[in-house]
Amino acid sequence: MYQEVTTMSIDDNAAPVAGFSSPSGGIDLSANTNACGASPAAVAALARAASGLHLYPARFCEPLTRCLARKFELAEEQVLCANGASAIIEFLLRDLPLGAMALWPWPSFVLYEICAKQLGRDIVVASHRDWHTDIDALLRSCTPTVKLILIANPNNPTGTWLKPLEIERLLKRIPRDVLVAVDEAYQEFVVTDEDTSCRSLIERYDNLVIIRSFSKAYGLAGLRIGYALGAAERIAKLRRHCLPFQVSSLAQEAACAALDDEAHLERSRRENAIERARVSSVLGQLGVAVPPSQANFVFLPLSAELVKDVERLAAAHRLLLGRLLPYGLDSALRVSIGSAPDNDRFLTVIARALQIAKNAALCSSSPSPEARQPS
């Protein structure tokens, strides 16, 4: 019950902690990392691999490529590993033909825009529908110059999720020379009885690439490992942009071990699902309508003023939240799902911020003392 988290002491007038811009000594609910940490098997693999630090890693991540090919029942030529999913995104944008444009929904992962601008690529964005990716809006925006469509699914920063059938509806209606890249960095956190991934579509659509990450559910954000799945021809084109020795030997060993540690992955999924449901429920009780999240964070559409109040209280109590100014959103927050005590601290902070806002509204609507005096 929410009453259990309202007993934490919050000083409304506390000054923000000086210089607090990192999780050092505080609680970081901004980066969407795994609240359960890394797989113990991955940590043990790192320790074993440390004795080989003087050696170069496999040139093109062959050991991890083999592990992933087995997991997804694909040929090794259909798998590309890189230094984080961000590197895969860069390869996709580099591979755009001259004069071609990239398209994605708004709001979506801010790195798409950052990378496109750095590479001098032209972009177009499609509007959302109630914070959900709108396939019809993407179809309307897919002009003849668009050759790449990026879809984060679940979407970052909103957490909303599209069924693979919806992605297939897009694939059926666009030309085959338009590549659709589905960014499934948060896919492991999706809870549904239906198919959660677009993996089953790879055999039918050679213009589909799936992007995955070890940074979220696998808890290896510090090692920077991402990968792409797709038709061999598509992956070969992306591989041309990949330098040798991109992924360290430590990262490769840890990732292979993490893939085999199903128990840790299931624990991460389970605990995230429980806390995500609880946090969303409490926010609903407080009157904050959050879009349904299938990731390890929740998206809070608020007012710009309320965002400032929440951030002030959060910073004062060493709680780092996901600011969305880089997304052009000054009236929303993205908050990672952490441990139960960390989530309680956040819920207490936002409950207090909402109470302050309510009291201020009541004061501003009350008549002045002079107006209440009898004539």
Protein backbone atom coordinates (compact mmCIF):
# COMPACT_ATOMS: atom_id res chain seq x y z
CA MET A 1 0.00 0.00 0.00
CA TYR A 2 1.10 3.57 -0.65
CA GLN A 3 0.85 4.43 3.04
CA GLU A 4 3.99 2.37 3.57
CA VAL A 5 6.12 4.85 1.62
CA THR A 6 4.77 8.12 2.98
CA THR A 7 6.63 8.01 6.29
CA MET A 8 9.98 9.10 4.84
CA SER A 9 11.07 12.51 6.05
CA ILE A 10 11.15 15.11 3.28
CA ASP A 11 12.35 18.65 3.98
CA ASP A 12 10.51 20.94 1.56
CA ASN A 13 13.09 23.69 2.02
CA ALA A 14 16.22 21.57 1.82
CA ALA A 15 18.85 22.94 -0.54
CA PRO A 16 20.02 20.71 -3.38
CA VAL A 17 23.18 18.80 -2.61
CA ALA A 18 26.08 20.79 -4.02
CA GLY A 19 27.43 19.36 -7.24
CA PHE A 20 25.07 16.40 -7.27
CA SER A 21 24.97 15.45 -10.94
CA SER A 22 25.99 11.81 -10.72
CA PRO A 23 24.83 8.77 -8.76
CA SER A 24 27.93 8.88 -6.53
CA GLY A 25 26.63 8.58 -2.99
CA GLY A 26 23.02 8.91 -4.14
CA ILE A 27 20.30 6.95 -5.90
CA ASP A 28 20.38 6.95 -9.68
CA LEU A 29 16.96 6.46 -11.27
CA SER A 30 17.95 8.17 -14.50
CA ALA A 31 19.90 5.64 -16.58
CA ASN A 32 17.55 2.61 -16.74
CA THR A 33 20.18 0.16 -15.56
CA ASN A 34 19.34 -3.22 -14.02
CA ALA A 35 18.30 -2.88 -10.37
CA CYS A 36 19.48 -6.47 -9.80
CA GLY A 37 22.98 -5.66 -11.06
CA ALA A 38 25.09 -7.85 -13.30
CA SER A 39 24.84 -11.61 -13.54
CA PRO A 40 27.11 -13.31 -10.95
CA ALA A 41 28.19 -15.64 -13.76
CA ALA A 42 29.26 -12.63 -15.83
CA VAL A 43 31.22 -11.17 -12.93
CA ALA A 44 32.99 -14.51 -12.43
CA ALA A 45 33.78 -14.69 -16.14
CA LEU A 46 35.32 -11.23 -15.98
CA ALA A 47 37.60 -12.33 -13.16
CA ARG A 48 38.73 -15.40 -15.10
CA ALA A 49 39.36 -13.38 -18.27
CA ALA A 50 41.45 -10.74 -16.47
CA SER A 51 44.61 -12.81 -16.78
CA GLY A 52 44.48 -12.32 -20.55
CA LEU A 53 44.39 -8.52 -20.54
CA HIS A 54 47.70 -8.38 -22.43
CA LEU A 55 46.09 -10.14 -25.41
CA TYR A 56 43.89 -8.62 -28.12
CA PRO A 57 40.26 -9.76 -28.23
CA ALA A 58 38.76 -11.76 -31.09
CA ARG A 59 38.87 -9.45 -34.12
CA PHE A 60 35.16 -9.43 -34.89
CA CYS A 61 33.71 -10.85 -31.69
CA GLU A 62 33.51 -14.39 -33.05
CA PRO A 63 32.91 -16.19 -29.69
CA LEU A 64 29.97 -13.97 -28.74
CA THR A 65 28.64 -14.07 -32.30
CA ARG A 66 28.50 -17.87 -32.05
CA CYS A 67 26.69 -17.68 -28.69
CA LEU A 68 24.08 -15.28 -30.09
CA ALA A 69 23.63 -17.28 -33.30
CA ARG A 70 22.83 -20.37 -31.22
CA LYS A 71 20.45 -18.46 -28.95
CA PHE A 72 18.44 -16.94 -31.81
CA GLU A 73 18.79 -19.93 -34.17
CA LEU A 74 20.45 -17.86 -36.87
CA ALA A 75 23.56 -18.23 -39.00
CA GLU A 76 26.61 -16.43 -37.66
CA GLU A 77 26.49 -14.21 -40.76
CA GLN A 78 23.18 -12.85 -39.46
CA VAL A 79 24.71 -11.49 -36.24
CA LEU A 80 26.85 -8.39 -35.78
CA CYS A 81 28.36 -7.44 -32.39
CA ALA A 82 29.62 -3.96 -31.62
CA ASN A 83 30.70 -1.60 -28.86
CA GLY A 84 27.19 -0.94 -27.58
CA ALA A 85 23.85 -0.69 -29.40
CA SER A 86 24.85 2.93 -30.08
CA ALA A 87 27.53 1.67 -32.47
CA ILE A 88 24.90 -0.32 -34.40
CA ILE A 89 22.78 2.83 -34.68
CA GLU A 90 25.81 4.68 -36.03
CA PHE A 91 26.44 1.95 -38.64
CA LEU A 92 22.81 2.15 -39.79
CA LEU A 93 22.99 5.91 -40.25
CA ARG A 94 26.40 5.74 -41.95
CA ASP A 95 24.99 3.23 -44.42
CA LEU A 96 22.26 5.59 -45.63
CA PRO A 97 22.61 6.41 -49.35
CA LEU A 98 23.53 9.97 -50.29
CA GLY A 99 20.48 12.23 -50.07
CA ALA A 100 18.40 9.65 -48.19
CA MET A 101 16.57 10.45 -44.94
CA ALA A 102 15.99 8.62 -41.68
CA LEU A 103 12.58 8.52 -39.99
CA TRP A 104 11.51 7.70 -36.45
CA PRO A 105 8.66 8.46 -34.04
CA TRP A 106 8.80 11.39 -31.67
CA PRO A 107 9.67 11.26 -28.85
CA SER A 108 12.16 8.45 -29.17
CA PHE A 109 15.71 7.57 -28.16
CA VAL A 110 17.62 10.85 -28.27
CA LEU A 111 20.79 9.16 -29.53
CA TYR A 112 19.17 8.70 -32.95
CA GLU A 113 19.07 12.47 -33.44
CA ILE A 114 22.50 13.07 -31.89
CA CYS A 115 24.14 10.49 -34.15
CA ALA A 116 22.28 11.67 -37.26
CA LYS A 117 23.37 15.26 -36.69
CA GLN A 118 26.99 14.25 -36.11
CA LEU A 119 26.96 12.34 -39.40
CA GLY A 120 25.14 15.10 -41.29
CA ARG A 121 22.12 12.90 -42.05
CA ASP A 122 18.71 14.41 -42.77
CA ILE A 123 15.86 13.24 -40.55
CA VAL A 124 12.09 13.42 -40.29
CA VAL A 125 9.97 12.52 -37.26
CA ALA A 126 6.41 11.23 -36.98
CA SER A 127 4.02 12.26 -34.23
CA HIS A 128 2.98 9.90 -31.43
CA ARG A 129 -0.52 8.83 -30.46
CA ASP A 130 -1.03 9.23 -26.70
CA TRP A 131 2.70 8.58 -26.21
CA HIS A 132 2.48 5.39 -28.31
CA THR A 133 4.36 4.86 -31.57
CA ASP A 134 1.86 5.48 -34.37
CA ILE A 135 2.45 3.16 -37.35
CA ASP A 136 0.00 5.12 -39.51
CA ALA A 137 1.92 8.35 -38.80
CA LEU A 138 5.14 6.60 -39.83
CA LEU A 139 3.52 5.42 -43.05
CA ARG A 140 2.30 8.94 -43.84
CA SER A 141 5.80 10.31 -43.20
CA CYS A 142 7.60 7.66 -45.27
CA THR A 143 8.32 9.70 -48.40
CA PRO A 144 10.41 8.33 -51.31
CA THR A 145 13.56 9.86 -49.79
CA VAL A 146 13.19 7.91 -46.51
CA LYS A 147 15.43 4.83 -46.58
CA LEU A 148 15.72 4.05 -42.85
CA ILE A 149 13.02 3.83 -40.17
CA LEU A 150 14.15 3.48 -36.55
CA ILE A 151 11.64 2.22 -33.99
CA ALA A 152 12.51 1.80 -30.32
CA ASN A 153 10.27 -0.98 -29.00
CA PRO A 154 9.64 -0.63 -26.09
CA ASN A 155 10.00 3.06 -26.77
CA ASN A 156 12.45 5.23 -24.90
CA PRO A 157 11.46 7.52 -23.13
CA THR A 158 7.76 6.53 -22.94
CA GLY A 159 8.07 2.78 -22.25
CA THR A 160 5.16 1.96 -24.56
CA TRP A 161 5.32 -1.17 -26.71
CA LEU A 162 4.10 -2.27 -30.13
CA LYS A 163 3.16 -5.85 -30.92
CA PRO A 164 5.34 -7.43 -33.62
CA LEU A 165 2.17 -7.65 -35.73
CA GLU A 166 2.09 -3.84 -35.83
CA ILE A 167 5.72 -3.74 -36.97
CA GLU A 168 4.84 -6.27 -39.66
CA ARG A 169 1.98 -4.04 -40.82
CA LEU A 170 4.58 -1.36 -41.46
CA LEU A 171 6.92 -3.79 -43.23
CA LYS A 172 4.12 -4.95 -45.53
CA ARG A 173 3.32 -1.43 -46.71
CA ILE A 174 6.72 0.14 -47.30
CA PRO A 175 9.09 -0.44 -50.25
CA ARG A 176 11.69 -3.17 -49.77
CA ASP A 177 14.51 -0.65 -50.20
CA VAL A 178 13.47 1.00 -46.91
CA LEU A 179 15.26 -0.60 -43.95
CA VAL A 180 13.32 -0.93 -40.69
CA ALA A 181 15.55 -1.13 -37.60
CA VAL A 182 13.69 -2.17 -34.44
CA ASP A 183 15.61 -1.19 -31.33
CA GLU A 184 14.74 -3.86 -28.74
CA ALA A 185 17.11 -2.70 -25.99
CA TYR A 186 14.34 -3.18 -23.40
CA GLN A 187 12.63 -6.20 -24.96
CA GLU A 188 13.49 -8.57 -22.12
CA PHE A 189 11.31 -6.54 -19.75
CA VAL A 190 8.12 -6.97 -21.81
CA VAL A 191 5.44 -8.96 -19.97
CA THR A 192 2.80 -10.50 -22.24
CA ASP A 193 1.53 -13.90 -23.34
CA GLU A 194 2.21 -12.92 -26.96
CA ASP A 195 5.44 -12.91 -28.93
CA THR A 196 7.53 -10.05 -27.57
CA SER A 197 10.20 -9.74 -30.27
CA CYS A 198 10.39 -9.20 -34.02
CA ARG A 199 12.87 -12.09 -34.29
CA SER A 200 10.25 -14.25 -36.03
CA LEU A 201 9.97 -11.68 -38.84
CA ILE A 202 13.62 -11.86 -39.96
CA GLU A 203 13.09 -14.80 -42.31
CA ARG A 204 10.21 -13.04 -44.08
CA TYR A 205 11.64 -9.53 -44.37
CA ASP A 206 15.18 -8.93 -45.56
CA ASN A 207 14.71 -5.19 -44.87
CA LEU A 208 14.42 -5.75 -41.11
CA VAL A 209 17.24 -5.39 -38.59
CA ILE A 210 16.83 -5.91 -34.85
CA ILE A 211 19.07 -4.03 -32.42
CA ARG A 212 19.70 -5.52 -28.98
CA SER A 213 21.77 -4.57 -25.93
CA PHE A 214 23.45 -6.20 -22.95
CA SER A 215 23.20 -2.93 -20.97
CA LYS A 216 19.67 -3.31 -19.59
CA ALA A 217 18.25 -6.69 -18.56
CA TYR A 218 21.70 -8.32 -18.61
CA GLY A 219 23.20 -5.60 -16.39
CA LEU A 220 26.41 -5.04 -18.39
CA ALA A 221 26.07 -1.33 -19.15
CA GLY A 222 29.67 -0.68 -18.09
CA LEU A 223 31.04 -3.08 -20.70
CA ARG A 224 29.27 -1.55 -23.75
CA ILE A 225 28.03 -4.49 -25.83
CA GLY A 226 25.28 -4.40 -28.42
CA TYR A 227 24.39 -6.48 -31.43
CA ALA A 228 22.23 -6.61 -34.55
CA LEU A 229 20.23 -9.47 -36.06
CA GLY A 230 18.99 -9.61 -39.63
CA ALA A 231 19.36 -11.05 -43.11
CA ALA A 232 22.96 -11.97 -43.92
CA GLU A 233 23.13 -9.44 -46.78
CA ARG A 234 21.96 -6.60 -44.54
CA ILE A 235 24.34 -7.53 -41.74
CA ALA A 236 27.23 -7.73 -44.23
CA LYS A 237 26.55 -4.14 -45.31
CA LEU A 238 26.64 -2.97 -41.69
CA ARG A 239 29.77 -5.00 -40.98
CA ARG A 240 31.69 -2.84 -43.47
CA HIS A 241 31.50 0.01 -40.95
CA CYS A 242 32.76 -2.09 -38.03
CA LEU A 243 36.43 -1.81 -37.10
CA PRO A 244 38.26 -4.90 -35.79
CA PHE A 245 38.74 -5.38 -32.04
CA GLN A 246 35.66 -3.25 -31.26
CA VAL A 247 34.46 -5.36 -28.33
CA SER A 248 36.93 -6.13 -25.55
CA SER A 249 37.75 -9.69 -24.54
CA LEU A 250 36.33 -8.99 -21.07
CA ALA A 251 33.03 -7.83 -22.54
CA GLN A 252 32.80 -10.86 -24.81
CA GLU A 253 33.43 -13.32 -21.98
CA ALA A 254 30.96 -11.58 -19.65
CA ALA A 255 28.26 -11.41 -22.31
CA CYS A 256 28.55 -15.11 -23.15
CA ALA A 257 28.28 -15.96 -19.45
CA ALA A 258 25.30 -13.62 -18.99
CA LEU A 259 23.46 -15.28 -21.89
CA ASP A 260 23.77 -18.62 -20.11
CA ASP A 261 22.59 -17.27 -16.74
CA GLU A 262 18.84 -17.64 -17.29
CA ALA A 263 18.15 -17.55 -13.54
CA HIS A 264 19.54 -14.02 -13.20
CA LEU A 265 17.68 -12.82 -16.27
CA GLU A 266 14.38 -14.23 -14.97
CA ARG A 267 14.96 -12.65 -11.56
CA SER A 268 15.63 -9.29 -13.24
CA ARG A 269 12.45 -9.58 -15.31
CA ARG A 270 10.32 -10.68 -12.38
CA GLU A 271 11.47 -8.04 -9.91
CA ASN A 272 11.19 -5.29 -12.51
CA ALA A 273 7.64 -6.36 -13.42
CA ILE A 274 6.55 -6.36 -9.76
CA GLU A 275 8.04 -2.96 -8.97
CA ARG A 276 6.94 -1.42 -12.27
CA ALA A 277 3.33 -2.42 -11.57
CA ARG A 278 3.53 -1.09 -8.02
CA VAL A 279 5.10 2.24 -8.99
CA SER A 280 2.59 2.73 -11.81
CA SER A 281 -0.29 1.93 -9.47
CA VAL A 282 0.85 4.39 -6.81
CA LEU A 283 1.38 7.12 -9.39
CA GLY A 284 -2.16 6.48 -10.61
CA GLN A 285 -3.46 6.86 -7.05
CA LEU A 286 -1.62 10.18 -6.87
CA GLY A 287 -3.34 11.35 -10.06
CA VAL A 288 -0.35 10.97 -12.40
CA ALA A 289 -1.50 9.17 -15.56
CA VAL A 290 1.55 7.26 -16.77
CA PRO A 291 1.45 5.48 -20.15
CA PRO A 292 1.61 1.68 -19.77
CA SER A 293 5.29 0.79 -19.61
CA GLN A 294 6.90 -2.44 -20.81
CA ALA A 295 10.43 -1.26 -20.00
CA ASN A 296 12.35 -0.80 -16.75
CA PHE A 297 11.21 2.81 -16.34
CA VAL A 298 8.05 4.88 -16.29
CA PHE A 299 7.27 8.09 -18.17
CA LEU A 300 5.57 10.90 -16.27
CA PRO A 301 3.77 13.60 -18.28
CA LEU A 302 3.59 16.50 -15.82
CA SER A 303 3.68 20.28 -16.00
CA ALA A 304 6.96 22.16 -16.46
CA GLU A 305 6.52 23.75 -13.02
CA LEU A 306 5.85 20.42 -11.33
CA VAL A 307 8.91 18.89 -13.01
CA LYS A 308 11.03 21.64 -11.44
CA ASP A 309 9.52 20.99 -8.00
CA VAL A 310 10.11 17.24 -8.28
CA GLU A 311 13.69 17.76 -9.43
CA ARG A 312 14.39 20.19 -6.58
CA LEU A 313 13.12 17.79 -3.93
CA ALA A 314 14.82 14.82 -5.60
CA ALA A 315 18.20 16.56 -5.82
CA ALA A 316 17.98 17.66 -2.20
CA HIS A 317 17.70 14.04 -1.21
CA ARG A 318 20.33 12.63 -3.55
CA LEU A 319 17.88 11.14 -6.01
CA LEU A 320 18.78 11.45 -9.70
CA LEU A 321 15.85 11.29 -12.14
CA GLY A 322 15.76 11.19 -15.93
CA ARG A 323 15.46 14.74 -17.27
CA LEU A 324 14.04 14.92 -20.79
CA LEU A 325 15.22 18.33 -21.95
CA PRO A 326 17.40 16.67 -24.65
CA TYR A 327 14.13 15.24 -26.00
CA GLY A 328 12.57 18.71 -26.08
CA LEU A 329 10.32 17.76 -23.16
CA ASP A 330 10.45 20.15 -20.20
CA SER A 331 7.13 18.90 -18.80
CA ALA A 332 7.91 15.22 -18.33
CA LEU A 333 10.26 12.90 -16.45
CA ARG A 334 11.52 9.39 -17.09
CA VAL A 335 12.14 7.44 -13.89
CA SER A 336 13.94 4.11 -13.78
CA ILE A 337 12.51 1.20 -11.81
CA GLY A 338 14.95 0.59 -8.99
CA SER A 339 14.88 -1.48 -5.84
CA ALA A 340 11.78 -1.26 -3.65
CA PRO A 341 13.43 1.17 -1.16
CA ASP A 342 14.70 3.38 -4.00
CA ASN A 343 11.28 3.43 -5.61
CA ASP A 344 9.74 4.30 -2.24
CA ARG A 345 12.02 7.31 -1.97
CA PHE A 346 10.96 8.51 -5.42
CA LEU A 347 7.27 8.00 -4.67
CA THR A 348 7.60 9.97 -1.45
CA VAL A 349 9.33 12.82 -3.28
CA ILE A 350 6.70 13.09 -5.99
CA ALA A 351 3.84 12.77 -3.50
CA ARG A 352 5.31 15.70 -1.57
CA ALA A 353 5.80 17.73 -4.75
CA LEU A 354 2.19 17.12 -5.74
CA GLN A 355 1.02 18.17 -2.27
CA ILE A 356 3.05 21.38 -2.47
CA ALA A 357 1.55 22.14 -5.88
CA LYS A 358 -1.95 21.45 -4.54
CA ASN A 359 -1.43 23.73 -1.53
CA ALA A 360 -0.09 26.49 -3.77
CA ALA A 361 -3.13 26.20 -6.03
CA LEU A 362 -5.47 26.41 -3.03
CA CYS A 363 -3.69 29.50 -1.73
CA SER A 364 -3.83 31.26 -5.08
CA SER A 365 -7.56 30.56 -5.40
CA SER A 366 -8.45 31.72 -1.86
CA PRO A 367 -9.72 35.31 -1.41
CA SER A 368 -7.34 37.77 0.23
CA PRO A 369 -7.93 38.78 3.90
CA GLU A 370 -9.13 42.18 2.74
CA ALA A 371 -11.71 40.58 0.48
CA ARG A 372 -13.07 38.54 3.40
CA GLN A 373 -13.65 41.56 5.69
CA PRO A 374 -17.30 42.64 6.10
CA SER A 375 -18.26 45.94 4.45
